[in-house]
Protein backbone atom coordinates (compact mmCIF):
# COMPACT_ATOMS: atom_id res chain seq x y z
CA MET A 1 106.78 -42.21 144.52
CA THR A 2 106.55 -45.96 144.08
CA ARG A 3 105.45 -47.71 140.97
CA SER A 4 102.18 -48.84 142.57
CA SER A 5 101.09 -45.21 143.01
CA PHE A 6 100.58 -44.96 139.24
CA LEU A 7 98.16 -47.86 139.08
CA SER A 8 94.56 -47.10 138.26
CA ALA A 9 91.97 -47.35 141.03
CA ASP A 10 90.49 -50.50 139.51
CA ARG A 11 93.86 -52.22 139.31
CA LYS A 12 94.68 -51.26 142.89
CA ARG A 13 91.39 -52.70 144.06
CA LEU A 14 92.02 -55.92 142.19
CA ILE A 15 95.49 -56.27 143.66
CA ASP A 16 94.15 -55.54 147.16
CA ASN A 17 91.67 -58.38 146.75
CA CYS A 18 94.39 -60.90 145.90
CA ILE A 19 95.07 -63.52 148.52
CA CYS A 20 98.81 -63.30 148.33
CA ALA A 21 101.85 -61.08 148.42
CA VAL A 22 102.36 -59.42 145.10
CA SER A 23 105.25 -57.02 144.88
CA PRO A 24 107.84 -55.11 146.89
CA GLU A 25 105.94 -51.91 146.14
CA ARG A 26 102.84 -53.23 147.86
CA VAL A 27 104.76 -54.60 150.81
CA LEU A 28 106.30 -51.18 151.47
CA SER A 29 103.04 -49.24 151.05
CA HIS A 30 102.03 -49.03 154.73
CA PRO A 31 104.05 -46.82 157.09
CA LEU A 32 103.91 -49.41 159.89
CA LEU A 33 105.69 -51.86 157.58
CA THR A 34 108.82 -49.71 157.40
CA ALA A 35 108.78 -47.93 160.76
CA PRO A 36 111.18 -49.28 163.43
CA ILE A 37 109.46 -51.97 165.47
CA GLY A 38 110.47 -50.72 168.92
CA PRO A 39 109.29 -47.09 168.58
CA SER A 40 106.11 -48.19 166.79
CA LEU A 41 105.27 -50.65 169.54
CA LEU A 42 105.96 -48.00 172.18
CA ARG A 43 103.67 -45.51 170.46
CA LEU A 44 100.82 -48.00 170.11
CA ALA A 45 101.19 -49.83 173.41
CA GLY A 46 102.68 -47.12 175.63
CA PRO A 47 99.48 -45.38 176.78
CA THR A 48 97.65 -48.61 177.58
CA THR A 49 100.67 -50.13 179.33
CA GLY A 50 101.10 -46.97 181.38
CA LEU A 51 97.49 -47.18 182.51
CA MET A 52 97.96 -50.85 183.40
CA VAL A 53 100.93 -49.94 185.63
CA VAL A 54 98.81 -47.39 187.47
CA GLN A 55 96.05 -49.93 187.92
CA ILE A 56 98.52 -52.37 189.49
CA PHE A 57 99.05 -49.86 192.29
CA VAL A 58 95.30 -49.27 192.46
CA ALA A 59 94.78 -53.02 192.92
CA ILE A 60 97.42 -53.06 195.67
CA ALA A 61 95.58 -50.25 197.48
CA ASP A 62 92.28 -52.07 197.01
CA THR A 63 93.70 -55.28 198.47
CA TYR A 64 95.02 -53.28 201.43
CA PHE A 65 91.58 -51.79 202.12
CA ILE A 66 89.88 -55.19 201.96
CA GLY A 67 92.63 -56.69 204.13
CA ARG A 68 91.80 -54.14 206.84
CA LEU A 69 88.31 -55.65 207.00
CA GLY A 70 89.69 -59.04 208.07
CA THR A 71 90.30 -62.56 206.82
CA ASP A 72 86.65 -63.24 205.99
CA ALA A 73 86.51 -60.22 203.69
CA LEU A 74 89.69 -61.32 201.89
CA ALA A 75 88.35 -64.84 201.51
CA GLY A 76 85.03 -63.52 200.20
CA LEU A 77 86.73 -61.35 197.59
CA ALA A 78 88.90 -64.35 196.59
CA LEU A 79 85.66 -66.20 195.78
CA VAL A 80 84.27 -63.36 193.66
CA PHE A 81 87.49 -62.23 192.02
CA PRO A 82 87.64 -64.90 189.26
CA PHE A 83 84.12 -63.95 188.16
CA THR A 84 84.73 -60.19 188.13
CA ALA A 85 88.01 -60.77 186.28
CA LEU A 86 86.19 -62.98 183.77
CA MET A 87 83.67 -60.28 182.90
CA GLN A 88 86.27 -57.51 182.76
CA ASN A 89 88.65 -59.52 180.59
CA ILE A 90 85.91 -60.52 178.15
CA ALA A 91 84.63 -56.93 177.97
CA ALA A 92 88.12 -55.44 177.48
CA GLY A 93 90.10 -58.08 175.60
CA GLY A 94 87.66 -60.58 174.12
CA MET A 95 84.57 -58.74 172.95
CA GLY A 96 86.38 -55.41 173.25
CA GLY A 97 88.87 -56.70 170.69
CA GLY A 98 85.96 -57.47 168.38
CA VAL A 99 84.64 -53.92 168.73
CA ALA A 100 88.07 -52.40 168.09
CA SER A 101 88.67 -54.64 165.09
CA ALA A 102 85.30 -53.89 163.49
CA THR A 103 85.74 -50.15 164.00
CA ALA A 104 89.24 -50.19 162.50
CA ARG A 105 88.08 -52.08 159.41
CA ALA A 106 85.18 -49.73 158.84
CA LEU A 107 87.29 -46.59 159.15
CA GLY A 108 90.10 -48.08 157.09
CA ALA A 109 87.65 -48.79 154.28
CA GLY A 110 86.13 -45.31 154.49
CA ARG A 111 82.75 -46.70 155.61
CA LEU A 112 81.83 -43.83 157.93
CA ASP A 113 78.16 -44.83 158.04
CA ASP A 114 79.16 -48.28 159.26
CA ALA A 115 81.55 -46.75 161.80
CA ARG A 116 78.73 -44.59 163.18
CA ALA A 117 76.38 -47.56 163.28
CA LEU A 118 78.96 -49.79 164.96
CA VAL A 119 78.92 -47.55 168.02
CA VAL A 120 75.21 -48.26 168.47
CA HIS A 121 75.69 -51.97 167.77
CA ALA A 122 78.45 -52.06 170.38
CA LEU A 123 76.20 -50.38 172.95
CA VAL A 124 73.41 -52.88 172.23
CA LEU A 125 75.84 -55.75 172.77
CA ALA A 126 77.12 -54.06 175.94
CA LEU A 127 73.58 -53.95 177.32
CA ALA A 128 72.94 -57.59 176.37
CA PHE A 129 76.14 -58.90 177.96
CA ALA A 130 75.64 -56.74 181.07
CA LEU A 131 72.14 -58.14 181.60
CA LEU A 132 73.48 -61.67 181.10
CA PHE A 133 76.21 -61.32 183.72
CA THR A 134 73.88 -59.55 186.16
CA ALA A 135 71.36 -62.39 185.83
CA LEU A 136 74.09 -64.98 186.39
CA ALA A 137 75.33 -63.13 189.48
CA TRP A 138 71.88 -63.19 191.06
CA THR A 139 70.99 -66.77 190.15
CA ILE A 140 73.96 -69.10 189.59
CA ALA A 141 76.91 -67.32 191.21
CA PRO A 142 75.85 -67.95 194.88
CA SER A 143 75.87 -71.70 194.28
CA LEU A 144 79.24 -71.44 192.55
CA TYR A 145 80.72 -69.55 195.51
CA ARG A 146 79.60 -72.39 197.77
CA LEU A 147 81.10 -74.97 195.44
CA LEU A 148 84.38 -73.06 195.58
CA GLY A 149 84.46 -73.49 199.35
CA GLY A 150 82.63 -70.37 200.49
CA SER A 151 80.73 -70.58 203.77
CA GLY A 152 79.77 -68.53 206.80
CA VAL A 153 80.85 -64.91 206.99
CA ALA A 154 83.22 -65.24 204.02
CA LEU A 155 80.33 -66.33 201.80
CA GLN A 156 78.21 -63.41 203.02
CA ARG A 157 80.97 -60.97 202.14
CA ALA A 158 81.27 -62.54 198.69
CA LEU A 159 77.53 -62.27 198.06
CA THR A 160 77.41 -58.64 199.21
CA PHE A 161 80.17 -57.57 196.85
CA SER A 162 78.84 -59.70 194.00
CA TYR A 163 75.26 -58.44 194.15
CA VAL A 164 76.33 -54.78 194.21
CA TRP A 165 79.10 -54.94 191.59
CA PHE A 166 77.31 -57.08 189.02
CA SER A 167 74.14 -54.99 189.34
CA GLY A 168 76.15 -52.14 187.83
CA ALA A 169 77.70 -54.28 185.10
CA ILE A 170 76.33 -52.01 182.37
CA ALA A 171 78.82 -49.30 183.38
CA VAL A 172 81.72 -51.74 182.95
CA TRP A 173 80.62 -52.97 179.51
CA VAL A 174 79.88 -49.49 178.15
CA CYS A 175 83.22 -48.17 179.41
CA PHE A 176 85.26 -50.97 177.83
CA PHE A 177 83.35 -50.93 174.54
CA LEU A 178 83.63 -47.16 174.09
CA SER A 179 87.32 -47.45 174.88
CA ALA A 180 87.59 -50.17 172.21
CA VAL A 181 85.90 -47.93 169.64
CA LEU A 182 88.52 -45.24 170.26
CA ARG A 183 91.39 -47.73 170.15
CA GLY A 184 90.02 -49.15 166.91
CA GLY A 185 90.12 -45.65 165.46
CA GLY A 186 93.80 -45.33 166.39
CA ASP A 187 93.35 -43.29 169.57
CA ALA A 188 94.84 -45.16 172.53
CA ALA A 189 95.73 -41.97 174.41
CA THR A 190 92.20 -40.78 175.21
CA PRO A 191 90.97 -43.99 176.93
CA SER A 192 94.25 -44.20 178.86
CA ARG A 193 94.05 -40.57 179.97
CA TYR A 194 90.49 -40.93 181.28
CA GLY A 195 91.34 -44.28 182.83
CA LEU A 196 94.22 -42.66 184.69
CA MET A 197 92.02 -39.84 185.98
CA THR A 198 89.28 -42.13 187.27
CA SER A 199 91.77 -44.65 188.71
CA LEU A 200 93.45 -41.96 190.79
CA ALA A 201 90.05 -40.74 192.01
CA TYR A 202 88.97 -44.30 192.82
CA VAL A 203 91.65 -44.96 195.47
CA PRO A 204 90.59 -42.34 198.06
CA LEU A 205 86.92 -42.93 197.25
CA SER A 206 87.30 -46.66 197.86
CA GLY A 207 89.21 -46.05 201.07
CA VAL A 208 86.46 -43.84 202.46
CA LEU A 209 83.48 -45.95 201.35
CA THR A 210 85.13 -49.23 202.39
CA LEU A 211 86.72 -48.29 205.73
CA GLY A 212 84.83 -45.12 206.59
CA ILE A 213 86.09 -41.80 207.88
CA GLY A 214 85.86 -40.25 211.32
CA ASP A 215 82.98 -41.76 213.27
CA TRP A 216 81.49 -43.37 210.17
CA SER A 217 82.55 -47.00 209.79
CA GLY A 218 82.02 -47.20 206.04
CA LEU A 219 80.14 -49.74 203.91
CA GLY A 220 82.65 -52.59 204.02
CA VAL A 221 83.01 -54.68 200.86
CA ALA A 222 79.92 -53.01 199.40
CA GLY A 223 81.80 -49.70 199.53
CA SER A 224 84.58 -51.17 197.40
CA ALA A 225 82.05 -52.32 194.79
CA ILE A 226 80.21 -48.99 194.76
CA SER A 227 83.49 -47.07 194.38
CA SER A 228 84.46 -49.21 191.40
CA LEU A 229 81.12 -48.59 189.68
CA ILE A 230 81.27 -44.84 190.29
CA ALA A 231 84.76 -44.58 188.79
CA THR A 232 83.87 -46.81 185.82
CA GLY A 233 80.66 -44.92 185.14
CA ALA A 234 82.54 -41.62 185.17
CA ALA A 235 85.07 -42.99 182.68
CA ALA A 236 82.24 -44.17 180.42
CA LEU A 237 80.68 -40.71 180.41
CA LEU A 238 84.01 -39.07 179.57
CA LEU A 239 84.62 -41.53 176.72
CA ALA A 240 81.11 -40.94 175.36
CA ARG A 241 81.68 -37.18 175.45
CA ALA A 242 84.93 -37.59 173.50
CA LEU A 243 83.23 -39.73 170.84
CA TRP A 244 80.23 -37.44 170.44
CA ARG A 245 82.56 -34.44 170.08
CA GLY A 246 84.00 -36.07 166.97
CA LYS A 247 87.25 -37.40 168.43
CA LEU A 248 87.52 -39.97 165.61
CA GLY A 249 86.38 -37.64 162.81
CA PHE A 250 82.70 -38.54 162.94
CA THR A 251 79.77 -38.09 165.32
CA PRO A 252 77.90 -41.27 166.30
CA LYS A 253 74.12 -41.32 166.22
CA LEU A 254 71.83 -43.09 168.68
CA THR A 255 68.65 -42.63 166.68
CA GLY A 256 67.76 -43.51 163.13
CA VAL A 257 70.31 -46.35 163.01
CA ARG A 258 69.02 -49.65 161.61
CA LEU A 259 70.44 -52.64 163.46
CA GLN A 260 72.09 -55.05 161.03
CA SER A 261 73.15 -58.65 161.58
CA ARG A 262 76.14 -57.95 159.32
CA LEU A 263 77.57 -55.41 161.76
CA PHE A 264 76.85 -57.57 164.80
CA ALA A 265 78.71 -60.38 163.02
CA GLU A 266 81.75 -58.14 162.40
CA ILE A 267 82.09 -57.67 166.15
CA LEU A 268 81.19 -61.18 167.27
CA LYS A 269 83.30 -63.22 164.87
CA VAL A 270 86.46 -61.72 166.38
CA GLY A 271 85.18 -61.18 169.89
CA LEU A 272 83.93 -64.70 170.52
CA MET A 273 87.25 -66.33 169.64
CA GLY A 274 89.09 -63.94 171.93
CA SER A 275 86.53 -64.56 174.65
CA PHE A 276 87.13 -68.32 174.50
CA THR A 277 90.77 -67.94 175.54
CA THR A 278 89.68 -65.53 178.28
CA LEU A 279 87.06 -68.02 179.45
CA THR A 280 89.56 -70.86 179.78
CA ALA A 281 91.95 -68.64 181.75
CA ASN A 282 89.28 -67.56 184.19
CA LEU A 283 87.76 -71.03 184.42
CA THR A 284 91.23 -72.18 185.48
CA ALA A 285 91.23 -69.57 188.25
CA MET A 286 87.75 -70.62 189.41
CA LEU A 287 88.58 -74.33 189.53
CA VAL A 288 91.85 -73.70 191.33
CA THR A 289 89.98 -71.52 193.83
CA GLY A 290 87.76 -74.52 194.52
CA LEU A 291 90.80 -76.70 195.20
CA VAL A 292 92.29 -74.12 197.55
CA GLY A 293 88.95 -73.63 199.31
CA ARG A 294 89.13 -77.22 200.57
CA PHE A 295 91.95 -76.17 202.89
CA GLY A 296 89.91 -73.57 204.78
CA VAL A 297 89.30 -69.84 204.99
CA ALA A 298 92.90 -68.92 205.81
CA ALA A 299 94.22 -70.80 202.77
CA LEU A 300 91.59 -69.15 200.57
CA ALA A 301 92.46 -65.70 201.89
CA GLY A 302 96.20 -66.32 201.41
CA TYR A 303 95.63 -67.56 197.90
CA GLY A 304 93.57 -64.42 197.23
CA VAL A 305 96.49 -62.23 198.28
CA GLY A 306 98.97 -64.23 196.22
CA VAL A 307 96.94 -64.65 193.06
CA ARG A 308 96.09 -60.96 193.06
CA LEU A 309 99.74 -60.42 192.11
CA GLU A 310 99.19 -62.53 188.98
CA PHE A 311 96.15 -60.49 188.00
CA MET A 312 98.06 -57.29 188.68
CA LEU A 313 100.87 -58.24 186.30
CA ALA A 314 98.76 -59.74 183.50
CA PRO A 315 97.47 -56.29 182.41
CA LEU A 316 101.06 -55.36 181.50
CA ALA A 317 100.92 -58.07 178.85
CA PHE A 318 97.55 -56.70 177.74
CA GLY A 319 99.08 -53.25 177.31
CA ILE A 320 101.93 -54.60 175.20
CA GLY A 321 99.58 -56.95 173.37
CA SER A 322 97.28 -54.12 172.28
CA GLY A 323 100.17 -52.76 170.21
CA LEU A 324 101.21 -56.21 168.98
CA THR A 325 97.77 -56.91 167.54
CA THR A 326 97.97 -53.82 165.34
CA LEU A 327 101.58 -54.20 164.21
CA VAL A 328 101.32 -57.93 163.52
CA GLY A 329 97.96 -57.47 161.80
CA VAL A 330 99.33 -54.89 159.38
CA ALA A 331 102.34 -57.07 158.56
CA ALA A 332 100.18 -60.18 158.14
CA GLY A 333 97.79 -58.31 155.86
CA ALA A 334 100.70 -57.38 153.61
CA GLU A 335 102.04 -60.97 153.74
CA ALA A 336 105.20 -59.60 155.39
CA TRP A 337 105.44 -62.65 157.61
CA PRO A 338 109.10 -62.31 158.64
CA ARG A 339 108.32 -58.85 160.02
CA ALA A 340 105.18 -60.17 161.74
CA VAL A 341 107.28 -62.79 163.51
CA ARG A 342 109.92 -60.23 164.52
CA VAL A 343 107.24 -57.96 165.94
CA ALA A 344 105.71 -60.84 167.90
CA TRP A 345 109.05 -61.89 169.41
CA THR A 346 109.99 -58.30 170.23
CA GLY A 347 106.81 -57.70 172.18
CA GLY A 348 106.82 -61.18 173.69
CA LEU A 349 110.36 -60.86 175.02
CA ILE A 350 109.62 -57.41 176.43
CA ALA A 351 106.66 -58.89 178.31
CA PHE A 352 108.80 -61.82 179.44
CA ALA A 353 111.46 -59.50 180.84
CA MET A 354 109.09 -57.03 182.54
CA ILE A 355 106.70 -59.51 184.11
CA GLY A 356 109.38 -62.07 184.88
CA SER A 357 111.51 -59.48 186.68
CA LEU A 358 108.60 -58.37 188.84
CA GLY A 359 107.70 -61.97 189.62
CA PHE A 360 111.24 -62.80 190.71
CA ALA A 361 111.43 -59.63 192.81
CA VAL A 362 108.33 -60.58 194.80
CA ALA A 363 109.44 -64.24 195.01
CA LEU A 364 112.60 -63.10 196.78
CA LEU A 365 110.56 -61.31 199.47
CA PRO A 366 107.26 -63.24 199.63
CA GLU A 367 106.57 -62.61 203.30
CA THR A 368 107.22 -58.89 202.97
CA TRP A 369 104.71 -58.74 200.11
CA SER A 370 102.09 -60.75 201.99
CA ARG A 371 102.36 -58.69 205.17
CA LEU A 372 101.53 -55.56 203.19
CA PHE A 373 97.95 -56.81 203.21
CA VAL A 374 97.46 -59.24 206.11
CA SER A 375 98.96 -60.13 209.48
CA ASP A 376 97.25 -63.46 210.26
CA PRO A 377 100.10 -66.04 210.34
CA ASP A 378 98.06 -68.75 208.58
CA VAL A 379 97.02 -66.39 205.78
CA VAL A 380 100.59 -65.17 205.36
CA ALA A 381 101.86 -68.76 205.19
CA ALA A 382 99.42 -69.67 202.40
CA SER A 383 100.26 -66.52 200.46
CA VAL A 384 104.02 -67.13 200.82
CA SER A 385 103.61 -70.70 199.56
CA TYR A 386 101.77 -69.52 196.46
CA ILE A 387 104.33 -66.82 195.66
CA ARG A 388 107.33 -69.11 196.11
CA HIS A 389 105.88 -71.80 193.86
CA VAL A 390 104.29 -69.67 191.13
CA ALA A 391 105.85 -66.19 190.90
CA PRO A 392 109.19 -67.38 189.41
CA PHE A 393 107.25 -68.57 186.33
CA TYR A 394 105.43 -65.31 185.65
CA GLY A 395 107.89 -64.51 182.85
CA LEU A 396 106.66 -67.46 180.76
CA PHE A 397 103.10 -66.48 181.56
CA GLY A 398 103.73 -62.93 180.29
CA LEU A 399 105.42 -64.28 177.15
CA GLY A 400 102.40 -66.47 176.41
CA LEU A 401 99.91 -63.66 176.98
CA ALA A 402 101.77 -61.25 174.71
CA LEU A 403 102.11 -63.83 171.93
CA ASN A 404 98.41 -64.57 172.31
CA PHE A 405 97.61 -60.98 171.29
CA ALA A 406 100.13 -61.20 168.48
CA SER A 407 98.39 -64.36 167.29
CA GLN A 408 95.12 -62.43 167.12
CA GLY A 409 96.75 -60.01 164.71
CA ALA A 410 98.13 -62.89 162.63
CA GLY A 411 94.81 -64.74 162.65
CA ARG A 412 96.60 -67.83 164.01
CA MET A 413 94.72 -68.68 167.22
CA THR A 414 95.16 -72.46 167.32
CA ALA A 415 98.24 -72.45 169.56
CA PRO A 416 96.80 -69.99 172.14
CA MET A 417 93.53 -71.93 172.35
CA VAL A 418 95.33 -75.26 172.82
CA ALA A 419 97.71 -73.70 175.35
CA GLY A 420 94.82 -72.31 177.36
CA VAL A 421 93.08 -75.68 177.57
CA VAL A 422 96.33 -77.47 178.51
CA ARG A 423 97.00 -74.91 181.23
CA MET A 424 93.52 -75.42 182.66
CA VAL A 425 93.79 -79.22 182.65
CA THR A 426 97.29 -79.19 184.13
CA ALA A 427 96.49 -76.76 186.93
CA THR A 428 93.17 -78.32 187.93
CA LEU A 429 93.60 -82.06 187.36
CA GLY A 430 97.27 -81.79 188.30
CA GLY A 431 96.32 -79.99 191.50
CA TRP A 432 93.71 -82.61 192.33
CA PHE A 433 96.22 -85.41 191.69
CA ALA A 434 98.84 -83.69 193.86
CA VAL A 435 96.35 -83.43 196.74
CA GLU A 436 94.48 -86.72 196.49
CA GLN A 437 97.17 -89.10 195.24
CA LEU A 438 100.51 -87.56 196.17
CA ARG A 439 99.30 -86.02 199.44
CA LEU A 440 101.24 -82.82 198.81
CA GLY A 441 98.58 -80.58 200.29
CA LEU A 442 98.30 -76.89 199.41
CA ASP A 443 101.89 -76.82 198.12
CA GLY A 444 100.90 -79.44 195.54
CA VAL A 445 98.08 -77.25 194.24
CA PHE A 446 100.44 -74.31 193.82
CA ALA A 447 103.06 -76.49 192.10
CA ALA A 448 100.42 -77.63 189.60
CA ILE A 449 99.55 -73.97 188.91
CA ALA A 450 103.23 -73.29 188.15
CA VAL A 451 103.45 -76.28 185.79
CA GLY A 452 100.30 -75.15 183.97
CA MET A 453 101.69 -71.64 183.62
CA THR A 454 104.94 -72.99 182.18
CA ALA A 455 103.06 -75.18 179.71
CA TYR A 456 100.98 -72.18 178.59
CA GLY A 457 104.00 -70.07 177.68
CA CYS A 458 105.91 -72.90 176.03
CA LEU A 459 102.96 -74.14 173.94
CA ILE A 460 102.44 -70.68 172.44
CA ALA A 461 106.09 -69.73 171.99
CA GLY A 462 107.30 -73.18 170.91
CA PRO A 463 105.28 -73.51 167.68
CA LEU A 464 106.20 -69.96 166.66
CA LEU A 465 109.88 -70.75 167.24
CA ILE A 466 109.84 -74.09 165.42
CA ALA A 467 107.50 -73.16 162.56
CA PRO A 468 107.23 -69.35 162.22
CA TRP A 469 104.09 -67.91 160.67
CA GLY A 470 103.98 -67.84 156.90
CA PRO A 471 101.51 -67.86 154.00
CA LYS A 472 98.84 -70.52 154.23
CA ARG A 473 99.26 -71.23 150.51
CA PRO A 474 102.01 -70.59 147.96
CA PRO A 475 101.95 -66.95 146.82
CA ILE A 476 100.66 -66.13 143.37
CA VAL A 477 102.69 -63.39 141.69
CA VAL A 478 100.55 -60.93 139.80
CA GLN A 479 102.67 -59.71 136.93
CA ARG A 480 100.44 -58.40 134.18
CA LEU A 481 98.65 -56.02 136.51
CA LEU A 482 101.94 -54.31 137.33
């Protein structure tokens, strides 16, 4: 038993409220501060990363189904994809991170009443954000699709998918927020298990509703959207059942809970900062889609096939990052900054190796990858160009994404925010300059994307390498209390 275990409750509380590291006993008080980094990261990130791997194959199957509908369908989904990805990433990583963080703090402090109430507050926010995105999809999104180069049949396909999918946005927000509540309570296995079940059910359902079966021709792109909402809604119901059966040691209540600005603030103050970095990433994708759209439907469809690879691999970094946020946060809270930095680099290098290896593998066989989904020579050519220019730099992209989640745990978000803005400016203005001034055509746009991706990884990793995280002020040693 350590010396700190003999302290009175009042003295422990006073030490916990100090703004600095105090003693070796305190530093060694949390099990995650002494557990091996690798196994701890595997235990925390393993279930989520496993689910992300499964969803990569689900996305490949989905792209195959849409590709069977023709070039216009692929181009239409390329127009909508940045907007669906924006909402999903904000719900899961941005605002979802706020929900998980608030739940963890409440349970860690023994505030069970707040933990129960936070479930209701999260559901209220889920409804509010779902209504917001649904309204945007029915009012502003059609004009944005046109600005991105959508026209004719491709635009009609985009609008069909968009209207159906965003009308069911409430299922997406509830699913991700309930998953965040469970992750915040330390249960990453349950959301991953239900996500795996519904993902596996989604593939055949999407195939049937999109392409049809027998004499029935299916619903086209609307079938893909409906399948997604059915699977997501089922996952939300399963997660709700787990929560209301006391999976986290308490039973939430939907009635008799007084809404409090304090609890909304606990979610939003973390969620909004995380959502900003998500917004810049997806805004980059939207603006680049507009640049590509200037080269025609085939270029847009080929870009949609190529960029889908990027969005398939990014969730791997999210899976690793979910564990990094916890491990780095615990170390940072104990002022164990050297360990926090080691954890960040361990996870970051794992992401670099995994995502970089997959990117290089596809870059070696770009045409083989592209022909899995399309056969049109012009679409294949555009997809191959994207993969050859961008895929070799996926490793740096994965490194940056993983360190972004680690930065959330450390409370040091300046570098990720700056890196996100620089990536956006480089990819969009650089792409415009390559097209308009250097006359490099579509290859110039893709080269600018690669440069922006490289800048993103380097601007997050570089500051951590040159000036590792440490206390923001000189530590004050509390002696008399010990």
